[in-house]
Protein backbone atom coordinates (compact mmCIF):
# COMPACT_ATOMS: atom_id res chain seq x y z
CA MET A 1 -174.57 208.65 -103.55
CA PRO A 2 -174.35 205.92 -100.89
CA PHE A 3 -175.46 206.65 -97.36
CA VAL A 4 -173.87 205.56 -94.11
CA TYR A 5 -176.70 204.59 -91.82
CA SER A 6 -176.54 205.24 -88.10
CA THR A 7 -176.21 202.30 -85.71
CA ILE A 8 -178.11 204.20 -83.02
CA SER A 9 -180.93 202.14 -81.56
CA PRO A 10 -184.08 204.29 -81.48
CA SER A 11 -185.28 202.55 -78.33
CA VAL A 12 -182.28 203.26 -76.15
CA GLY A 13 -180.39 206.07 -77.89
CA VAL A 14 -176.92 204.54 -77.71
CA PRO A 15 -174.95 202.59 -80.35
CA ASP A 16 -174.90 198.85 -80.98
CA ASN A 17 -171.40 197.43 -81.43
CA THR A 18 -172.77 194.04 -82.41
CA ALA A 19 -173.79 195.59 -85.75
CA PRO A 20 -172.10 194.13 -88.87
CA ILE A 21 -168.77 195.67 -89.85
CA PRO A 22 -168.15 196.17 -93.60
CA LEU A 23 -165.15 194.21 -94.86
CA CYS A 24 -161.93 196.01 -95.61
CA PRO A 25 -159.84 195.04 -98.67
CA VAL A 26 -157.68 191.91 -98.46
CA ASN A 27 -154.44 192.43 -96.49
CA ARG A 28 -155.90 195.45 -94.70
CA TYR A 29 -156.89 195.67 -91.05
CA MET A 30 -160.24 195.67 -89.26
CA ARG A 31 -161.19 196.40 -85.67
CA PRO A 32 -164.30 196.23 -83.47
CA TRP A 33 -166.69 199.16 -83.20
CA GLY A 34 -165.63 201.77 -80.66
CA THR A 35 -163.90 205.10 -80.34
CA ASP A 36 -160.11 205.13 -80.41
CA ASN A 37 -158.66 206.13 -77.07
CA GLY A 38 -154.97 206.80 -76.68
CA VAL A 39 -154.07 207.51 -80.30
CA SER A 40 -153.75 211.25 -79.81
CA VAL A 41 -152.66 210.99 -76.17
CA GLN A 42 -150.10 208.20 -76.36
CA ASN A 43 -147.88 207.61 -73.36
CA SER A 44 -150.48 208.90 -70.92
CA ASN A 45 -152.93 207.23 -68.59
CA PHE A 46 -155.54 207.45 -71.33
CA SER A 47 -153.62 204.48 -72.79
CA ARG A 48 -153.61 202.46 -69.54
CA HIS A 49 -155.90 199.44 -69.63
CA VAL A 50 -157.66 197.59 -66.78
CA VAL A 51 -154.90 196.88 -64.29
CA PRO A 52 -155.62 193.57 -62.49
CA PRO A 53 -155.38 190.22 -64.27
CA HIS A 54 -158.61 189.74 -66.22
CA LEU A 55 -160.31 188.32 -69.26
CA SER A 56 -162.23 190.63 -71.58
CA TYR A 57 -164.50 189.91 -74.54
CA VAL A 58 -165.05 192.41 -77.36
CA PRO A 59 -167.81 191.77 -79.95
CA PHE A 60 -166.93 191.52 -83.63
CA LYS A 61 -169.36 190.77 -86.48
CA PRO A 62 -168.07 190.80 -90.08
CA ALA A 63 -170.70 191.77 -92.64
CA GLU A 64 -169.56 189.02 -95.05
CA ASN A 65 -167.52 185.82 -95.02
CA MET A 66 -163.83 186.42 -94.47
CA THR A 67 -160.57 184.89 -93.26
CA MET A 68 -158.18 186.53 -90.83
CA ASP A 69 -154.45 185.79 -90.73
CA ARG A 70 -153.26 188.19 -88.00
CA ILE A 71 -154.45 189.55 -84.68
CA GLY A 72 -152.68 192.00 -82.44
CA LEU A 73 -152.56 195.14 -80.37
CA ARG A 74 -150.66 198.43 -80.50
CA PHE A 75 -147.84 199.15 -78.05
CA PHE A 76 -147.06 202.77 -77.15
CA GLY A 77 -144.64 202.46 -74.21
CA THR A 78 -143.84 200.76 -70.91
CA ASN A 79 -145.23 203.47 -68.59
CA SER A 80 -142.31 202.70 -66.22
CA CYS A 81 -143.54 199.12 -65.83
CA VAL A 82 -141.01 196.52 -64.71
CA ASP A 83 -142.91 193.23 -65.01
CA ALA A 84 -143.52 191.02 -68.03
CA TRP A 85 -147.10 191.39 -69.26
CA TYR A 86 -148.90 188.64 -71.16
CA TYR A 87 -151.78 189.26 -73.56
CA LYS A 88 -153.44 186.03 -74.62
CA MET A 89 -155.74 186.35 -77.63
CA ALA A 90 -158.56 184.11 -78.80
CA ILE A 91 -161.98 184.07 -80.43
CA TYR A 92 -165.28 182.76 -79.03
CA SER A 93 -168.67 181.97 -80.48
CA ASP A 94 -171.79 183.81 -79.35
CA GLU A 95 -174.94 182.78 -77.55
CA GLY A 96 -177.55 185.41 -76.76
CA ASN A 97 -175.09 188.32 -77.08
CA TYR A 98 -172.64 186.75 -74.64
CA PRO A 99 -169.47 184.76 -75.41
CA LYS A 100 -170.01 181.00 -75.40
CA ASN A 101 -167.43 178.51 -76.77
CA LEU A 102 -163.71 178.91 -77.37
CA LEU A 103 -163.12 178.53 -81.11
CA THR A 104 -159.38 179.24 -81.40
CA ASP A 105 -156.63 180.19 -78.97
CA PHE A 106 -154.31 182.31 -81.12
CA GLY A 107 -151.44 182.53 -78.63
CA THR A 108 -149.80 185.13 -76.43
CA ILE A 109 -148.20 188.53 -77.03
CA THR A 110 -145.56 189.29 -74.40
CA ILE A 111 -144.37 192.74 -73.37
CA ASP A 112 -141.34 192.26 -71.12
CA CYS A 113 -140.87 195.72 -69.69
CA SER A 114 -137.29 194.97 -68.69
CA ALA A 115 -136.50 194.55 -72.42
CA PRO A 116 -139.53 195.95 -74.23
CA PRO A 117 -140.31 195.46 -77.91
CA SER A 118 -140.21 198.35 -80.34
CA VAL A 119 -143.13 200.73 -80.18
CA GLY A 120 -145.79 199.85 -82.75
CA PRO A 121 -148.15 196.98 -83.58
CA LEU A 122 -147.49 193.62 -81.92
CA GLU A 123 -149.11 190.74 -83.79
CA LEU A 124 -149.72 187.01 -83.85
CA THR A 125 -149.27 185.92 -87.47
CA GLY A 126 -149.72 182.85 -89.65
CA LEU A 127 -153.38 182.38 -88.68
CA SER A 128 -156.18 181.07 -90.90
CA GLN A 129 -159.38 181.79 -89.00
CA VAL A 130 -162.53 181.63 -91.14
CA LEU A 131 -165.37 183.91 -90.02
CA THR A 132 -168.94 183.62 -91.27
CA GLY A 133 -170.60 186.80 -92.45
CA ASN A 134 -173.26 188.43 -90.28
CA THR A 135 -172.29 186.18 -87.36
CA LEU A 136 -171.35 187.60 -83.98
CA TYR A 137 -168.00 186.56 -82.51
CA TRP A 138 -166.13 187.65 -79.38
CA LEU A 139 -162.44 188.58 -79.53
CA ALA A 140 -161.00 187.56 -76.17
CA ILE A 141 -157.99 189.13 -74.46
CA GLY A 142 -156.61 187.55 -71.31
CA VAL A 143 -154.22 189.78 -69.36
CA ASN A 144 -151.81 188.74 -66.61
CA GLN A 145 -148.24 189.36 -65.43
CA ASN A 146 -145.25 187.46 -64.11
CA ALA A 147 -145.15 189.53 -60.88
CA GLY A 148 -147.26 192.01 -58.96
CA THR A 149 -145.09 195.13 -58.86
CA ASP A 150 -146.90 197.02 -61.62
CA VAL A 151 -150.37 196.04 -60.43
CA ALA A 152 -149.56 197.22 -56.92
CA ALA A 153 -148.44 200.53 -58.41
CA GLY A 154 -151.61 200.82 -60.52
CA ARG A 155 -149.81 200.96 -63.85
CA THR A 156 -149.87 199.01 -67.11
CA PRO A 157 -148.03 199.32 -70.41
CA PHE A 158 -149.53 201.95 -72.69
CA LEU A 159 -151.60 200.32 -75.44
CA GLY A 160 -154.09 201.41 -78.07
CA LEU A 161 -157.58 201.28 -76.56
CA ILE A 162 -161.21 201.62 -77.59
CA ASN A 163 -164.00 203.05 -75.49
CA GLY A 164 -167.73 203.48 -75.71
CA ASP A 165 -171.16 202.99 -74.21
CA PHE A 166 -173.14 200.28 -76.01
CA TYR A 167 -176.63 199.29 -75.06
CA GLN A 168 -176.21 195.50 -75.05
CA PHE A 169 -173.74 195.87 -72.16
CA ARG A 170 -176.61 197.03 -69.97
CA LYS A 171 -178.57 193.80 -70.36
CA ARG A 172 -176.94 192.06 -67.44
CA GLY A 173 -177.81 194.84 -65.02
CA MET A 174 -175.65 196.43 -62.36
CA THR A 175 -174.06 194.32 -59.65
CA ASN A 176 -174.66 197.11 -57.13
CA ALA A 177 -176.07 200.60 -57.00
CA ALA A 178 -172.65 202.22 -57.42
CA ALA A 179 -171.64 200.19 -60.48
CA GLY A 180 -171.37 201.83 -63.88
CA THR A 181 -173.58 200.76 -66.77
CA ASP A 182 -171.55 201.73 -69.81
CA GLY A 183 -169.40 199.27 -71.66
CA VAL A 184 -167.42 198.22 -74.70
CA ALA A 185 -166.37 194.75 -73.44
CA TRP A 186 -167.43 192.11 -70.94
CA LEU A 187 -165.05 191.31 -68.07
CA GLU A 188 -164.53 187.94 -66.45
CA GLN A 189 -162.07 186.43 -63.93
CA VAL A 190 -161.00 189.86 -62.63
CA ASN A 191 -158.00 189.39 -60.28
CA THR A 192 -157.93 185.64 -60.98
CA PHE A 193 -157.17 185.11 -64.68
CA ALA A 194 -153.91 183.15 -64.95
CA ALA A 195 -152.96 181.42 -68.18
CA SER A 196 -155.76 179.45 -69.83
CA PHE A 197 -158.95 180.45 -71.60
CA PRO A 198 -162.07 178.58 -70.46
CA SER A 199 -163.37 176.16 -73.09
CA SER A 200 -166.80 177.69 -72.62
CA THR A 201 -168.32 180.53 -70.67
CA SER A 202 -171.75 182.03 -70.09
CA TYR A 203 -173.80 184.98 -68.94
CA SER A 204 -173.36 183.95 -65.30
CA ASN A 205 -169.56 184.26 -65.50
CA VAL A 206 -169.65 187.87 -66.65
CA VAL A 207 -168.86 190.00 -63.61
CA SER A 208 -169.03 193.45 -65.18
CA SER A 209 -168.60 195.52 -68.30
CA THR A 210 -165.93 198.09 -68.96
CA GLY A 211 -166.13 201.33 -70.92
CA THR A 212 -162.50 201.02 -72.05
CA SER A 213 -160.78 197.99 -73.53
CA ILE A 214 -157.62 197.05 -75.34
CA ARG A 215 -158.33 197.56 -79.03
CA PRO A 216 -157.60 194.33 -80.91
CA HIS A 217 -156.95 194.55 -84.64
CA ILE A 218 -157.20 191.75 -87.17
CA ARG A 219 -155.98 191.48 -90.74
CA ARG A 220 -158.23 190.15 -93.46
CA SER A 221 -156.48 187.66 -95.75
CA ALA A 222 -159.47 186.49 -97.81
């Protein structure tokens, strides 16, 4: 009988979400490590993501070579939002457990809350992104809006999220004594992200980690 081994690091006692992820069958979906947040409490603030414009990076390491043909997020509702929200999606290489170089900009998913899409998965399709097995990548999500009404009100559309506390997000250290140390994604360009991904980034650009992130999903095509 096969065993599922724990990803708990014995030295720190919390999980490692840079561990390899076993491949799903072709034409099925994969996601980064983390605990689903918002699935059982849809249309509540448990499904509200980081509010200000920002760029987040979520680690993803396939256990074997694969190709992905879709990437997306899950939309639960507008949460009374009135602005148009833009979710740019991309993938970066890794250097020292931090995102490094932009590999592919996949495009933008738009949720116009004045005429919202149907509830369910929202995807960018027709991709052909080859991923090398046992190699760490960073799925990037850049969030901004066409106006500031929703941000001023502290609300976002309700999306499927992941959360968690992973030990590699403590490596950078706290920016101040009051800062949290848990994390599932790195944050960059908080309050300033506009429309373009940087061609490269580094440890020094990471301003914080967050314990909750939009949960990207990808579909394996080969």
